[in-house]
Amino acid sequence: MKLTLRVWRQKNADAEGAMSTYEVDGISPDMSFLEMLDTLNEELILKGEEPVAFDHDCREGICGACSLVINGDAHGPERTTTCQLHMRSFKDGDTIDVEPWRAAAFPVVKDLVVDRSAFDRIIQAGGYITAPTGAAPEAHATPVPKPDADFAFEHAECIGCGACVAACPNGAAMLFTSAKVNHLNVLPQGAPERETRVLDMVAQMDDEGFGGCTLTGECATACPKGIPLMSITSMNKEWLRATRKATKR
């Protein structure tokens, strides 16, 4: 395959960025998108040019590090992570635009790499449980109803990639935050912090400068792990309940 790549190049957060055009040839349809970018970088290095900086780690669709907007879509045309997107999703001769996540709360570090530490701070605000340390408890010591376990596991699948933020027209982080809140709030282990967790994490989310949620649904459509839109509704109920309790105290 021969492709034309229009790639966002930006030296750092303070510098102005622009699209640069590159031609790549000999691309196998079985290559992943990141392998295709590796091929481009090998060619750039041989020419003595600066390679394109992009984030990646596991390349197995687990970690969420590979964060790219491809032809206007978070992670590209398939509902998967960028590292699991293969070049057979494109056609020979295609022009492909490659950009970083589009969100004010995710400032550009360099080229296609963005700083997603805002997510870390949201988790730090309440994504934990107070439990005794030491040996692991017996698995059956704390019974969890299967519907609750399934609900928690569904939300625990969130890998924090940020596709929900990049896809949202408002740059909201509600789907990510709700996944982290609901994962712990439904379990008995997370009960002690149930109210403070949702209040603190939502407050931190707002402080980070993410946009407001208008439930357009683009976040759930782009999520490679299929976190449902109703997750936001569940978190909103938790937040209202916690707010009422805090007001009465």
Protein backbone atom coordinates (compact mmCIF):
# COMPACT_ATOMS: atom_id res chain seq x y z
CA MET A 1 0.00 0.00 0.00
CA LYS A 2 1.09 3.54 -0.71
CA LEU A 3 -0.33 6.20 1.58
CA THR A 4 -0.19 9.93 2.12
CA LEU A 5 0.06 10.89 5.78
CA ARG A 6 -0.81 14.32 7.09
CA VAL A 7 0.68 14.30 10.60
CA TRP A 8 0.43 16.96 13.31
CA ARG A 9 3.90 18.18 14.28
CA GLN A 10 4.38 20.38 17.35
CA LYS A 11 7.61 20.91 19.24
CA ASN A 12 5.98 21.49 22.64
CA ALA A 13 2.87 22.91 24.29
CA ASP A 14 4.04 26.50 23.80
CA ALA A 15 4.97 26.17 20.13
CA GLU A 16 2.53 26.43 17.26
CA GLY A 17 1.80 23.18 15.46
CA ALA A 18 1.06 22.37 11.85
CA MET A 19 0.28 19.42 9.62
CA SER A 20 3.24 17.89 7.75
CA THR A 21 2.76 15.64 4.73
CA TYR A 22 4.66 12.39 4.23
CA GLU A 23 4.48 9.60 1.67
CA VAL A 24 4.91 5.99 2.82
CA ASP A 25 5.10 2.99 0.51
CA GLY A 26 5.29 -0.75 0.93
CA ILE A 27 2.80 -0.81 3.80
CA SER A 28 1.31 -4.25 4.44
CA PRO A 29 -2.45 -4.42 5.12
CA ASP A 30 -1.58 -6.67 8.07
CA MET A 31 0.51 -3.98 9.78
CA SER A 32 -0.97 -2.24 12.78
CA PHE A 33 -1.32 1.53 12.59
CA LEU A 34 1.58 1.96 15.01
CA GLU A 35 3.78 -0.34 12.91
CA MET A 36 3.01 1.88 9.96
CA LEU A 37 4.14 4.90 12.00
CA ASP A 38 7.28 2.97 12.95
CA THR A 39 7.98 2.53 9.23
CA LEU A 40 7.53 6.26 8.67
CA ASN A 41 9.90 7.06 11.54
CA GLU A 42 12.55 4.67 10.23
CA GLU A 43 12.47 6.51 6.92
CA LEU A 44 12.64 9.91 8.63
CA ILE A 45 15.62 8.83 10.75
CA LEU A 46 17.47 7.55 7.67
CA LYS A 47 16.92 10.96 6.08
CA GLY A 48 18.28 12.70 9.17
CA GLU A 49 14.88 14.15 10.07
CA GLU A 50 13.12 14.27 13.43
CA PRO A 51 10.87 11.20 13.93
CA VAL A 52 7.22 11.66 14.83
CA ALA A 53 6.62 11.36 18.60
CA PHE A 54 3.64 9.22 19.56
CA ASP A 55 2.53 7.37 22.69
CA HIS A 56 2.43 3.58 22.93
CA ASP A 57 3.19 0.79 25.37
CA CYS A 58 1.60 -2.66 25.37
CA ARG A 59 0.40 -2.66 21.73
CA GLU A 60 -2.19 -5.21 22.84
CA GLY A 61 -5.18 -2.92 23.42
CA ILE A 62 -4.81 -3.10 27.20
CA CYS A 63 -3.03 0.01 28.47
CA GLY A 64 -4.72 2.82 26.51
CA ALA A 65 -1.47 4.68 25.82
CA CYS A 66 -1.90 4.82 22.03
CA SER A 67 -3.97 7.99 21.74
CA LEU A 68 -4.47 9.29 18.21
CA VAL A 69 -7.21 11.02 16.26
CA ILE A 70 -7.23 9.38 12.83
CA ASN A 71 -9.24 11.03 10.07
CA GLY A 72 -11.24 12.85 12.73
CA ASP A 73 -12.07 9.75 14.78
CA ALA A 74 -10.59 8.83 18.16
CA HIS A 75 -8.50 5.67 17.58
CA GLY A 76 -9.59 5.59 13.93
CA PRO A 77 -12.44 4.06 11.91
CA GLU A 78 -12.74 0.85 13.97
CA ARG A 79 -14.00 0.57 17.55
CA THR A 80 -10.66 -0.47 18.97
CA THR A 81 -7.43 1.02 20.26
CA THR A 82 -4.98 2.51 17.77
CA CYS A 83 -2.46 -0.27 18.36
CA GLN A 84 -5.09 -2.84 17.36
CA LEU A 85 -6.18 -0.91 14.27
CA HIS A 86 -4.76 -2.55 11.15
CA MET A 87 -3.97 -0.98 7.82
CA ARG A 88 -6.52 -3.19 6.06
CA SER A 89 -9.05 -0.67 7.38
CA PHE A 90 -7.66 1.74 4.77
CA LYS A 91 -7.26 1.61 1.00
CA ASP A 92 -4.20 1.91 -1.18
CA GLY A 93 -3.69 5.58 -2.06
CA ASP A 94 -5.62 6.92 0.91
CA THR A 95 -4.72 10.21 2.59
CA ILE A 96 -4.76 9.80 6.38
CA ASP A 97 -4.82 12.67 8.87
CA VAL A 98 -3.15 11.87 12.20
CA GLU A 99 -3.59 14.25 15.14
CA PRO A 100 -3.26 14.20 18.94
CA TRP A 101 -6.23 14.12 21.31
CA ARG A 102 -8.21 17.33 21.00
CA ALA A 103 -8.86 18.65 24.51
CA ALA A 104 -7.66 21.65 26.48
CA ALA A 105 -7.19 19.42 29.52
CA PHE A 106 -4.74 17.27 27.52
CA PRO A 107 -1.96 19.71 26.52
CA VAL A 108 0.41 18.59 23.77
CA VAL A 109 3.81 17.40 24.97
CA LYS A 110 5.24 16.86 21.49
CA ASP A 111 3.71 16.00 18.12
CA LEU A 112 1.08 13.32 18.85
CA VAL A 113 1.88 12.93 22.55
CA VAL A 114 -0.42 14.62 25.07
CA ASP A 115 -0.26 14.98 28.85
CA ARG A 116 -3.12 12.93 30.33
CA SER A 117 -2.08 13.34 33.96
CA ALA A 118 -5.44 15.04 34.57
CA PHE A 119 -6.92 11.53 34.59
CA ASP A 120 -4.40 10.48 37.24
CA ARG A 121 -5.42 13.36 39.48
CA ILE A 122 -9.12 12.46 39.12
CA ILE A 123 -8.35 8.92 40.25
CA GLN A 124 -6.17 10.20 43.10
CA ALA A 125 -9.11 12.28 44.31
CA GLY A 126 -11.17 9.21 45.15
CA GLY A 127 -10.30 6.11 43.19
CA TYR A 128 -9.27 4.03 46.18
CA ILE A 129 -10.76 2.09 49.08
CA THR A 130 -9.75 2.07 52.76
CA ALA A 131 -8.96 -1.56 53.43
CA PRO A 132 -6.58 -3.25 55.86
CA THR A 133 -3.25 -4.13 54.34
CA GLY A 134 -1.68 -7.54 54.69
CA ALA A 135 -2.64 -10.96 53.37
CA ALA A 136 -5.40 -11.13 50.77
CA PRO A 137 -8.78 -11.97 52.34
CA GLU A 138 -10.62 -15.16 51.50
CA ALA A 139 -12.43 -14.69 48.21
CA HIS A 140 -15.77 -15.71 49.71
CA ALA A 141 -15.39 -13.57 52.85
CA THR A 142 -17.27 -10.63 51.30
CA PRO A 143 -20.20 -11.83 49.19
CA VAL A 144 -20.93 -9.69 46.13
CA PRO A 145 -24.21 -10.21 44.23
CA LYS A 146 -23.53 -11.25 40.65
CA PRO A 147 -25.35 -8.25 39.08
CA ASP A 148 -23.15 -5.92 41.16
CA ALA A 149 -20.01 -7.86 40.25
CA ASP A 150 -20.90 -7.74 36.55
CA PHE A 151 -21.64 -4.00 36.77
CA ALA A 152 -18.33 -3.33 38.52
CA PHE A 153 -16.36 -5.43 36.05
CA GLU A 154 -18.00 -3.71 33.08
CA HIS A 155 -16.76 -0.36 34.36
CA ALA A 156 -13.38 -1.69 35.48
CA GLU A 157 -12.65 -2.39 31.81
CA CYS A 158 -12.00 1.34 31.26
CA ILE A 159 -8.32 1.70 30.31
CA GLY A 160 -8.19 5.49 30.67
CA CYS A 161 -7.17 6.09 27.07
CA GLY A 162 -9.08 9.37 26.81
CA ALA A 163 -10.95 8.56 23.60
CA CYS A 164 -14.17 9.66 25.31
CA VAL A 165 -12.71 13.13 25.90
CA ALA A 166 -11.29 13.38 22.38
CA ALA A 167 -14.60 12.36 20.80
CA CYS A 168 -16.79 14.62 22.93
CA PRO A 169 -17.60 17.96 21.25
CA ASN A 170 -17.31 19.57 24.69
CA GLY A 171 -14.14 17.76 25.76
CA ALA A 172 -15.97 16.24 28.75
CA ALA A 173 -14.50 13.49 30.92
CA MET A 174 -17.78 12.23 32.34
CA LEU A 175 -17.56 8.72 30.87
CA PHE A 176 -14.08 8.14 32.26
CA THR A 177 -14.96 9.55 35.68
CA SER A 178 -18.23 7.64 35.87
CA ALA A 179 -16.47 4.38 35.00
CA LYS A 180 -14.02 4.86 37.88
CA VAL A 181 -16.74 5.95 40.31
CA ASN A 182 -19.20 3.17 39.44
CA HIS A 183 -16.52 0.49 39.48
CA LEU A 184 -15.89 1.03 43.21
CA ASN A 185 -19.21 2.44 44.42
CA VAL A 186 -21.22 -0.67 43.61
CA LEU A 187 -18.90 -2.97 45.58
CA PRO A 188 -19.08 -3.40 49.37
CA GLN A 189 -15.34 -2.69 49.61
CA GLY A 190 -15.98 0.79 48.22
CA ALA A 191 -18.91 1.61 50.47
CA PRO A 192 -17.03 3.68 53.13
CA GLU A 193 -16.02 6.32 50.56
CA ARG A 194 -19.14 6.08 48.42
CA GLU A 195 -20.33 9.67 48.91
CA THR A 196 -16.96 11.38 49.23
CA ARG A 197 -15.61 9.50 46.22
CA VAL A 198 -18.15 10.79 43.73
CA LEU A 199 -18.08 14.34 45.14
CA ASP A 200 -14.27 14.55 45.16
CA MET A 201 -13.74 12.97 41.75
CA VAL A 202 -16.36 15.12 40.04
CA ALA A 203 -14.93 18.24 41.70
CA GLN A 204 -11.43 17.31 40.53
CA MET A 205 -12.73 16.65 37.03
CA ASP A 206 -14.21 20.15 36.93
CA ASP A 207 -10.99 21.66 38.31
CA GLU A 208 -8.98 20.04 35.51
CA GLY A 209 -10.87 22.09 32.92
CA PHE A 210 -12.82 19.37 31.13
CA GLY A 211 -15.97 20.52 29.36
CA GLY A 212 -19.54 19.97 30.45
CA CYS A 213 -21.43 16.83 29.46
CA THR A 214 -24.50 17.25 27.23
CA LEU A 215 -25.04 13.50 26.71
CA THR A 216 -24.40 13.57 22.95
CA GLY A 217 -23.20 9.97 23.21
CA GLU A 218 -20.01 10.39 21.17
CA CYS A 219 -17.95 9.26 24.16
CA ALA A 220 -19.62 5.87 24.39
CA THR A 221 -19.42 5.41 20.61
CA ALA A 222 -15.65 6.02 20.63
CA CYS A 223 -14.86 3.99 23.75
CA PRO A 224 -12.79 0.96 22.67
CA LYS A 225 -13.94 -1.01 25.73
CA GLY A 226 -17.64 -0.32 25.32
CA ILE A 227 -18.30 1.59 28.54
CA PRO A 228 -22.04 2.38 28.21
CA LEU A 229 -23.53 5.86 28.25
CA MET A 230 -25.78 4.85 31.15
CA SER A 231 -22.64 4.88 33.27
CA ILE A 232 -22.92 8.67 33.34
CA THR A 233 -26.55 8.44 34.46
CA SER A 234 -25.56 6.10 37.28
CA MET A 235 -22.84 8.48 38.44
CA ASN A 236 -25.19 11.46 38.29
CA LYS A 237 -27.58 9.62 40.63
CA GLU A 238 -24.69 8.90 42.99
CA TRP A 239 -23.63 12.54 42.89
CA LEU A 240 -27.14 13.85 43.60
CA ARG A 241 -27.55 11.42 46.49
CA ALA A 242 -24.18 12.40 47.96
CA THR A 243 -24.89 16.12 47.49
CA ARG A 244 -28.21 15.86 49.33
CA LYS A 245 -26.57 14.01 52.22
CA ALA A 246 -23.77 16.56 52.43
CA THR A 247 -26.28 19.44 52.43
CA LYS A 248 -28.26 17.93 55.33
CA ARG A 249 -25.20 17.57 57.56
